[in-house]
Structure formats: structure tokens, C-alpha cells
Amino acid sequence: MAEKDMMGKLAIWAFIGGLLIAIIVGLVQAWDNTFFGTDLGGWIAILLAVIGAIVGILAFLGKGTITAKEVPAFLLAGTALLVMYAAFQNIPHIKYISTLLSSVSMALAIFIVPAVGILAIKAIWDIGKEV
């Protein structure tokens, strides 16, 4: 029981921490459009992906913040986030707003995509088991 509580708390803090880091990094990327091209930006992108993978693994094991009932909505939201990133790139009339929105959605995507990938594999596995 204590291990499940500890893993649940880890999942909550990893999710909240990843979201906060992604939003801050997205704002920094919007300010300095070359941030992800630097060494520090690359390491932070790796950190975001690792935290996202931790969130995904904990949810896969049923100890995370994303319950089995929430998986389809999470997968759809993750896909929508990737579409948002593509849609906000280089909108000519609102350059500064599109830069801000695409930078933040890119950083959020770096965090969320590993969890979406892991949970998509689990969803496919669950569908295949029912046949």
C-alpha cells in the first residue's frame, strides 16, 4: 500500500513538474528562438522526454495520474497538441503570437509524446487481448 502511494505521488509530481518545466521552456524558446539549438536546450528537451516517459510508464502500470478511463482522452489530447504545434507555425499576420503558441506547444509535446506513445502501445495491447 505504501509503495502504491509513493508511486502515485511520484506520478503526480512528475506530471506537474513536467508541465511547469515545459511551459517555462516554451516561453524561453519563444523569447530566444534558438534555445532548443543550444546544448542546454537539448539537455532540457531530453529531461522533458524522460519525465514524460516516467509519467507514461507509471500510467501503464496503473500507478500514475492517468487512469484507464482517461487514456482515450489523454491520447486524443496528445494528438491535438501535435496538431497545434504544426498549426501555429509561421502564421504571417500574428507572428509573435504564433511564435509563442508554437514554442509552448512544442515544449509540451516533447513532454507529453513519450507518455502518449507508451499509453498508445498499452491501448493497442488491450484491444488485441480482447479478440
N, C-alpha and C. Protein backbone atom coordinates (compact mmCIF):
# COMPACT_ATOMS: atom_id res chain seq x y z
N MET A 1 0.82 -1.19 0.00
CA MET A 1 0.00 0.00 0.00
C MET A 1 0.87 1.25 0.00
N ALA A 2 1.94 1.25 0.79
CA ALA A 2 2.80 2.42 0.87
C ALA A 2 3.53 2.64 -0.45
N GLU A 3 3.88 1.53 -1.15
CA GLU A 3 4.57 1.67 -2.43
C GLU A 3 3.65 2.31 -3.47
N LYS A 4 2.39 1.91 -3.49
CA LYS A 4 1.44 2.50 -4.44
C LYS A 4 1.25 3.99 -4.16
N ASP A 5 1.16 4.34 -2.87
CA ASP A 5 1.03 5.76 -2.53
C ASP A 5 2.26 6.54 -2.95
N MET A 6 3.44 5.96 -2.74
CA MET A 6 4.68 6.64 -3.12
C MET A 6 4.78 6.78 -4.64
N MET A 7 4.40 5.74 -5.37
CA MET A 7 4.44 5.80 -6.83
C MET A 7 3.40 6.79 -7.35
N GLY A 8 2.23 6.84 -6.70
CA GLY A 8 1.21 7.80 -7.09
C GLY A 8 1.68 9.23 -6.89
N LYS A 9 2.35 9.48 -5.76
CA LYS A 9 2.88 10.82 -5.51
C LYS A 9 3.98 11.18 -6.50
N LEU A 10 4.83 10.19 -6.83
CA LEU A 10 5.87 10.42 -7.83
C LEU A 10 5.24 10.78 -9.16
N ALA A 11 4.17 10.07 -9.53
CA ALA A 11 3.49 10.34 -10.80
C ALA A 11 2.89 11.73 -10.82
N ILE A 12 2.27 12.12 -9.73
CA ILE A 12 1.66 13.46 -9.65
C ILE A 12 2.72 14.54 -9.77
N TRP A 13 3.80 14.41 -9.01
CA TRP A 13 4.86 15.42 -9.05
C TRP A 13 5.59 15.43 -10.38
N ALA A 14 5.77 14.26 -10.99
CA ALA A 14 6.42 14.21 -12.30
C ALA A 14 5.55 14.92 -13.34
N PHE A 15 4.24 14.69 -13.29
CA PHE A 15 3.34 15.32 -14.24
C PHE A 15 3.30 16.83 -14.04
N ILE A 16 3.14 17.27 -12.81
CA ILE A 16 3.09 18.72 -12.54
C ILE A 16 4.43 19.37 -12.87
N GLY A 17 5.52 18.74 -12.45
CA GLY A 17 6.85 19.28 -12.73
C GLY A 17 7.13 19.35 -14.22
N GLY A 18 6.76 18.29 -14.95
CA GLY A 18 6.96 18.29 -16.39
C GLY A 18 6.17 19.38 -17.09
N LEU A 19 4.92 19.56 -16.66
CA LEU A 19 4.11 20.63 -17.24
C LEU A 19 4.72 22.01 -16.99
N LEU A 20 5.13 22.25 -15.76
CA LEU A 20 5.72 23.55 -15.43
C LEU A 20 7.02 23.80 -16.20
N ILE A 21 7.88 22.79 -16.24
CA ILE A 21 9.14 22.93 -16.98
C ILE A 21 8.86 23.18 -18.46
N ALA A 22 7.91 22.43 -19.02
CA ALA A 22 7.59 22.58 -20.44
C ALA A 22 7.06 23.98 -20.75
N ILE A 23 6.20 24.50 -19.90
CA ILE A 23 5.66 25.84 -20.14
C ILE A 23 6.76 26.89 -20.04
N ILE A 24 7.61 26.77 -19.03
CA ILE A 24 8.71 27.74 -18.88
C ILE A 24 9.67 27.65 -20.06
N VAL A 25 10.03 26.43 -20.44
CA VAL A 25 10.94 26.24 -21.57
C VAL A 25 10.30 26.76 -22.86
N GLY A 26 9.00 26.55 -23.03
CA GLY A 26 8.31 27.07 -24.20
C GLY A 26 8.35 28.59 -24.26
N LEU A 27 8.20 29.23 -23.11
CA LEU A 27 8.30 30.69 -23.06
C LEU A 27 9.71 31.16 -23.38
N VAL A 28 10.71 30.45 -22.88
CA VAL A 28 12.10 30.80 -23.17
C VAL A 28 12.37 30.61 -24.67
N GLN A 29 11.87 29.52 -25.24
CA GLN A 29 12.04 29.27 -26.68
C GLN A 29 11.36 30.37 -27.50
N ALA A 30 10.22 30.85 -27.05
CA ALA A 30 9.54 31.93 -27.77
C ALA A 30 10.35 33.22 -27.70
N TRP A 31 11.02 33.44 -26.57
CA TRP A 31 11.83 34.65 -26.40
C TRP A 31 13.10 34.57 -27.24
N ASP A 32 13.79 33.42 -27.14
CA ASP A 32 15.04 33.20 -27.88
C ASP A 32 14.81 31.98 -28.78
N ASN A 33 14.52 32.22 -30.04
CA ASN A 33 14.10 31.16 -30.94
C ASN A 33 15.16 30.09 -31.20
N THR A 34 16.36 30.26 -30.68
CA THR A 34 17.42 29.28 -30.89
C THR A 34 17.69 28.45 -29.64
N PHE A 35 16.84 28.56 -28.61
CA PHE A 35 17.12 27.90 -27.33
C PHE A 35 17.28 26.39 -27.47
N PHE A 36 16.39 25.72 -28.20
CA PHE A 36 16.49 24.27 -28.34
C PHE A 36 17.69 23.86 -29.19
N GLY A 37 18.30 24.80 -29.89
CA GLY A 37 19.51 24.52 -30.66
C GLY A 37 20.77 24.56 -29.83
N THR A 38 20.67 25.02 -28.59
CA THR A 38 21.84 25.08 -27.71
C THR A 38 22.00 23.77 -26.94
N ASP A 39 23.16 23.60 -26.32
CA ASP A 39 23.40 22.39 -25.52
C ASP A 39 22.42 22.32 -24.35
N LEU A 40 22.22 23.44 -23.65
CA LEU A 40 21.30 23.45 -22.51
C LEU A 40 19.88 23.12 -22.96
N GLY A 41 19.45 23.68 -24.07
CA GLY A 41 18.12 23.38 -24.60
C GLY A 41 17.97 21.92 -24.96
N GLY A 42 19.02 21.33 -25.50
CA GLY A 42 18.98 19.91 -25.83
C GLY A 42 18.86 19.04 -24.59
N TRP A 43 19.61 19.38 -23.55
CA TRP A 43 19.54 18.61 -22.30
C TRP A 43 18.18 18.77 -21.63
N ILE A 44 17.61 19.96 -21.70
CA ILE A 44 16.28 20.16 -21.11
C ILE A 44 15.23 19.39 -21.91
N ALA A 45 15.38 19.32 -23.24
CA ALA A 45 14.45 18.53 -24.05
C ALA A 45 14.55 17.05 -23.67
N ILE A 46 15.76 16.56 -23.45
CA ILE A 46 15.94 15.16 -23.01
C ILE A 46 15.30 14.96 -21.64
N LEU A 47 15.50 15.92 -20.74
CA LEU A 47 14.89 15.83 -19.40
C LEU A 47 13.37 15.78 -19.50
N LEU A 48 12.78 16.63 -20.34
CA LEU A 48 11.32 16.62 -20.52
C LEU A 48 10.84 15.28 -21.07
N ALA A 49 11.57 14.72 -22.03
CA ALA A 49 11.18 13.44 -22.60
C ALA A 49 11.28 12.31 -21.57
N VAL A 50 12.31 12.36 -20.73
CA VAL A 50 12.46 11.33 -19.68
C VAL A 50 11.35 11.44 -18.65
N ILE A 51 11.02 12.66 -18.25
CA ILE A 51 9.92 12.85 -17.29
C ILE A 51 8.61 12.37 -17.91
N GLY A 52 8.40 12.66 -19.20
CA GLY A 52 7.21 12.18 -19.89
C GLY A 52 7.16 10.66 -19.94
N ALA A 53 8.31 10.04 -20.16
CA ALA A 53 8.36 8.57 -20.17
C ALA A 53 8.05 8.00 -18.79
N ILE A 54 8.53 8.65 -17.75
CA ILE A 54 8.22 8.21 -16.38
C ILE A 54 6.71 8.30 -16.14
N VAL A 55 6.10 9.40 -16.54
CA VAL A 55 4.65 9.55 -16.39
C VAL A 55 3.93 8.44 -17.16
N GLY A 56 4.37 8.17 -18.38
CA GLY A 56 3.75 7.14 -19.19
C GLY A 56 3.91 5.74 -18.61
N ILE A 57 5.09 5.43 -18.10
CA ILE A 57 5.34 4.11 -17.51
C ILE A 57 4.50 3.92 -16.25
N LEU A 58 4.43 4.95 -15.42
CA LEU A 58 3.61 4.84 -14.21
C LEU A 58 2.14 4.69 -14.55
N ALA A 59 1.68 5.39 -15.58
CA ALA A 59 0.28 5.23 -16.00
C ALA A 59 0.07 3.84 -16.60
N PHE A 60 1.05 3.34 -17.34
CA PHE A 60 0.98 2.00 -17.92
C PHE A 60 0.84 0.95 -16.83
N LEU A 61 1.55 1.15 -15.73
CA LEU A 61 1.49 0.21 -14.61
C LEU A 61 0.27 0.41 -13.72
N GLY A 62 -0.54 1.42 -14.00
CA GLY A 62 -1.73 1.69 -13.22
C GLY A 62 -1.46 2.44 -11.93
N LYS A 63 -0.29 3.04 -11.81
CA LYS A 63 0.06 3.76 -10.58
C LYS A 63 0.19 5.26 -10.82
N GLY A 64 -0.16 5.70 -12.00
CA GLY A 64 0.03 7.10 -12.33
C GLY A 64 -1.23 7.91 -12.16
N THR A 65 -1.16 9.12 -12.67
CA THR A 65 -2.29 10.04 -12.57
C THR A 65 -3.32 9.81 -13.66
N ILE A 66 -2.95 9.08 -14.71
CA ILE A 66 -3.84 8.84 -15.83
C ILE A 66 -4.47 7.46 -15.64
N THR A 67 -5.76 7.44 -15.36
CA THR A 67 -6.45 6.17 -15.14
C THR A 67 -6.82 5.52 -16.47
N ALA A 68 -7.22 4.26 -16.42
CA ALA A 68 -7.59 3.54 -17.64
C ALA A 68 -8.76 4.22 -18.36
N LYS A 69 -9.65 4.81 -17.60
CA LYS A 69 -10.80 5.51 -18.18
C LYS A 69 -10.36 6.79 -18.91
N GLU A 70 -9.27 7.40 -18.47
CA GLU A 70 -8.80 8.65 -19.04
C GLU A 70 -7.85 8.48 -20.21
N VAL A 71 -7.40 7.26 -20.48
CA VAL A 71 -6.40 7.02 -21.53
C VAL A 71 -6.88 7.50 -22.91
N PRO A 72 -8.10 7.18 -23.36
CA PRO A 72 -8.50 7.67 -24.68
C PRO A 72 -8.48 9.20 -24.79
N ALA A 73 -8.94 9.88 -23.76
CA ALA A 73 -8.92 11.35 -23.79
C ALA A 73 -7.49 11.87 -23.78
N PHE A 74 -6.60 11.23 -23.04
CA PHE A 74 -5.20 11.64 -23.00
C PHE A 74 -4.55 11.45 -24.36
N LEU A 75 -4.84 10.33 -25.02
CA LEU A 75 -4.28 10.08 -26.35
C LEU A 75 -4.78 11.12 -27.35
N LEU A 76 -6.05 11.45 -27.28
CA LEU A 76 -6.61 12.46 -28.18
C LEU A 76 -6.01 13.84 -27.90
N ALA A 77 -5.85 14.18 -26.63
CA ALA A 77 -5.26 15.47 -26.27
C ALA A 77 -3.80 15.55 -26.72
N GLY A 78 -3.06 14.47 -26.58
CA GLY A 78 -1.68 14.45 -27.05
C GLY A 78 -1.58 14.63 -28.55
N THR A 79 -2.49 14.01 -29.29
CA THR A 79 -2.52 14.18 -30.74
C THR A 79 -2.89 15.61 -31.10
N ALA A 80 -3.85 16.17 -30.39
CA ALA A 80 -4.25 17.56 -30.64
C ALA A 80 -3.09 18.52 -30.36
N LEU A 81 -2.27 18.21 -29.38
CA LEU A 81 -1.12 19.05 -29.07
C LEU A 81 -0.12 19.07 -30.22
N LEU A 82 0.09 17.93 -30.86
CA LEU A 82 0.98 17.89 -32.01
C LEU A 82 0.40 18.66 -33.19
N VAL A 83 -0.90 18.58 -33.38
CA VAL A 83 -1.55 19.33 -34.45
C VAL A 83 -1.45 20.83 -34.16
N MET A 84 -1.61 21.21 -32.89
CA MET A 84 -1.49 22.62 -32.51
C MET A 84 -0.11 23.16 -32.87
N TYR A 85 0.92 22.40 -32.57
CA TYR A 85 2.29 22.84 -32.88
C TYR A 85 2.43 23.12 -34.37
N ALA A 86 1.94 22.21 -35.19
CA ALA A 86 2.04 22.40 -36.65
C ALA A 86 1.18 23.57 -37.12
N ALA A 87 0.02 23.72 -36.53
CA ALA A 87 -0.91 24.77 -36.98
C ALA A 87 -0.40 26.17 -36.62
N PHE A 88 0.30 26.31 -35.52
CA PHE A 88 0.72 27.63 -35.08
C PHE A 88 2.03 28.10 -35.71
N GLN A 89 2.66 27.27 -36.51
CA GLN A 89 3.93 27.66 -37.10
C GLN A 89 3.72 28.66 -38.23
N ASN A 90 4.43 29.76 -38.16
CA ASN A 90 4.52 30.73 -39.24
C ASN A 90 3.17 31.25 -39.75
N ILE A 91 2.32 31.67 -38.85
CA ILE A 91 1.10 32.35 -39.27
C ILE A 91 1.51 33.80 -39.54
N PRO A 92 1.41 34.28 -40.76
CA PRO A 92 2.04 35.54 -41.13
C PRO A 92 1.52 36.78 -40.41
N HIS A 93 0.24 36.88 -40.14
CA HIS A 93 -0.31 38.12 -39.60
C HIS A 93 -0.17 38.24 -38.09
N ILE A 94 0.07 37.16 -37.41
CA ILE A 94 0.22 37.21 -35.95
C ILE A 94 1.52 36.51 -35.55
N LYS A 95 2.62 37.01 -36.08
CA LYS A 95 3.92 36.36 -35.93
C LYS A 95 4.30 36.12 -34.47
N TYR A 96 4.16 37.11 -33.62
CA TYR A 96 4.61 36.96 -32.23
C TYR A 96 3.73 36.00 -31.45
N ILE A 97 2.44 36.06 -31.70
CA ILE A 97 1.53 35.14 -31.01
C ILE A 97 1.75 33.72 -31.51
N SER A 98 1.93 33.56 -32.82
CA SER A 98 2.15 32.21 -33.36
C SER A 98 3.47 31.64 -32.86
N THR A 99 4.49 32.47 -32.70
CA THR A 99 5.77 32.00 -32.16
C THR A 99 5.59 31.54 -30.72
N LEU A 100 4.87 32.31 -29.93
CA LEU A 100 4.62 31.94 -28.54
C LEU A 100 3.85 30.63 -28.45
N LEU A 101 2.76 30.53 -29.20
CA LEU A 101 1.93 29.33 -29.13
C LEU A 101 2.65 28.10 -29.67
N SER A 102 3.40 28.25 -30.75
CA SER A 102 4.10 27.08 -31.29
C SER A 102 5.25 26.66 -30.38
N SER A 103 5.93 27.61 -29.74
CA SER A 103 7.02 27.26 -28.84
C SER A 103 6.52 26.53 -27.60
N VAL A 104 5.44 27.03 -27.02
CA VAL A 104 4.89 26.38 -25.83
C VAL A 104 4.32 25.01 -26.19
N SER A 105 3.61 24.91 -27.32
CA SER A 105 3.06 23.61 -27.69
C SER A 105 4.16 22.62 -28.07
N MET A 106 5.28 23.09 -28.63
CA MET A 106 6.40 22.20 -28.92
C MET A 106 7.01 21.65 -27.64
N ALA A 107 7.23 22.51 -26.65
CA ALA A 107 7.79 22.06 -25.39
C ALA A 107 6.84 21.09 -24.67
N LEU A 108 5.55 21.39 -24.70
CA LEU A 108 4.57 20.47 -24.10
C LEU A 108 4.55 19.14 -24.85
N ALA A 109 4.70 19.19 -26.18
CA ALA A 109 4.72 17.95 -26.96
C ALA A 109 5.94 17.10 -26.62
N ILE A 110 7.09 17.73 -26.42
CA ILE A 110 8.29 16.98 -26.04
C ILE A 110 8.05 16.24 -24.73
N PHE A 111 7.31 16.85 -23.83
CA PHE A 111 6.99 16.22 -22.54
C PHE A 111 5.91 15.15 -22.67
N ILE A 112 4.88 15.41 -23.43
CA ILE A 112 3.71 14.54 -23.47
C ILE A 112 3.88 13.34 -24.42
N VAL A 113 4.61 13.51 -25.52
CA VAL A 113 4.68 12.46 -26.54
C VAL A 113 5.21 11.12 -26.02
N PRO A 114 6.22 11.07 -25.16
CA PRO A 114 6.62 9.75 -24.65
C PRO A 114 5.51 9.04 -23.88
N ALA A 115 4.76 9.79 -23.09
CA ALA A 115 3.64 9.20 -22.35
C ALA A 115 2.54 8.75 -23.31
N VAL A 116 2.27 9.55 -24.33
CA VAL A 116 1.26 9.19 -25.33
C VAL A 116 1.69 7.91 -26.06
N GLY A 117 2.96 7.81 -26.41
CA GLY A 117 3.45 6.63 -27.10
C GLY A 117 3.31 5.37 -26.26
N ILE A 118 3.68 5.47 -25.00
CA ILE A 118 3.59 4.31 -24.11
C ILE A 118 2.14 3.90 -23.90
N LEU A 119 1.27 4.88 -23.67
CA LEU A 119 -0.14 4.56 -23.45
C LEU A 119 -0.84 4.12 -24.74
N ALA A 120 -0.36 4.56 -25.90
CA ALA A 120 -0.92 4.07 -27.17
C ALA A 120 -0.58 2.59 -27.35
N ILE A 121 0.63 2.21 -27.00
CA ILE A 121 1.02 0.79 -27.07
C ILE A 121 0.15 -0.03 -26.13
N LYS A 122 -0.09 0.50 -24.93
CA LYS A 122 -0.95 -0.21 -23.97
C LYS A 122 -2.37 -0.34 -24.50
N ALA A 123 -2.89 0.72 -25.12
CA ALA A 123 -4.25 0.67 -25.67
C ALA A 123 -4.35 -0.36 -26.79
N ILE A 124 -3.34 -0.40 -27.66
CA ILE A 124 -3.34 -1.38 -28.73
C ILE A 124 -3.25 -2.79 -28.15
N TRP A 125 -2.42 -2.95 -27.13
CA TRP A 125 -2.29 -4.26 -26.47
C TRP A 125 -3.62 -4.70 -25.86
N ASP A 126 -4.29 -3.78 -25.18
CA ASP A 126 -5.58 -4.09 -24.56
C ASP A 126 -6.64 -4.45 -25.61
N ILE A 127 -6.64 -3.75 -26.73
CA ILE A 127 -7.58 -4.05 -27.80
C ILE A 127 -7.28 -5.45 -28.37
N GLY A 128 -6.00 -5.75 -28.55
CA GLY A 128 -5.62 -7.06 -29.09
C GLY A 128 -5.93 -8.21 -28.15
N LYS A 129 -5.89 -7.97 -26.85
CA LYS A 129 -6.20 -9.02 -25.87
C LYS A 129 -7.67 -9.40 -25.90
N GLU A 130 -8.54 -8.47 -26.25
CA GLU A 130 -9.98 -8.72 -26.22
C GLU A 130 -10.46 -9.57 -27.38
N VAL A 131 -9.64 -9.74 -28.40
CA VAL A 131 -10.05 -10.51 -29.58
C VAL A 131 -10.02 -11.99 -29.29
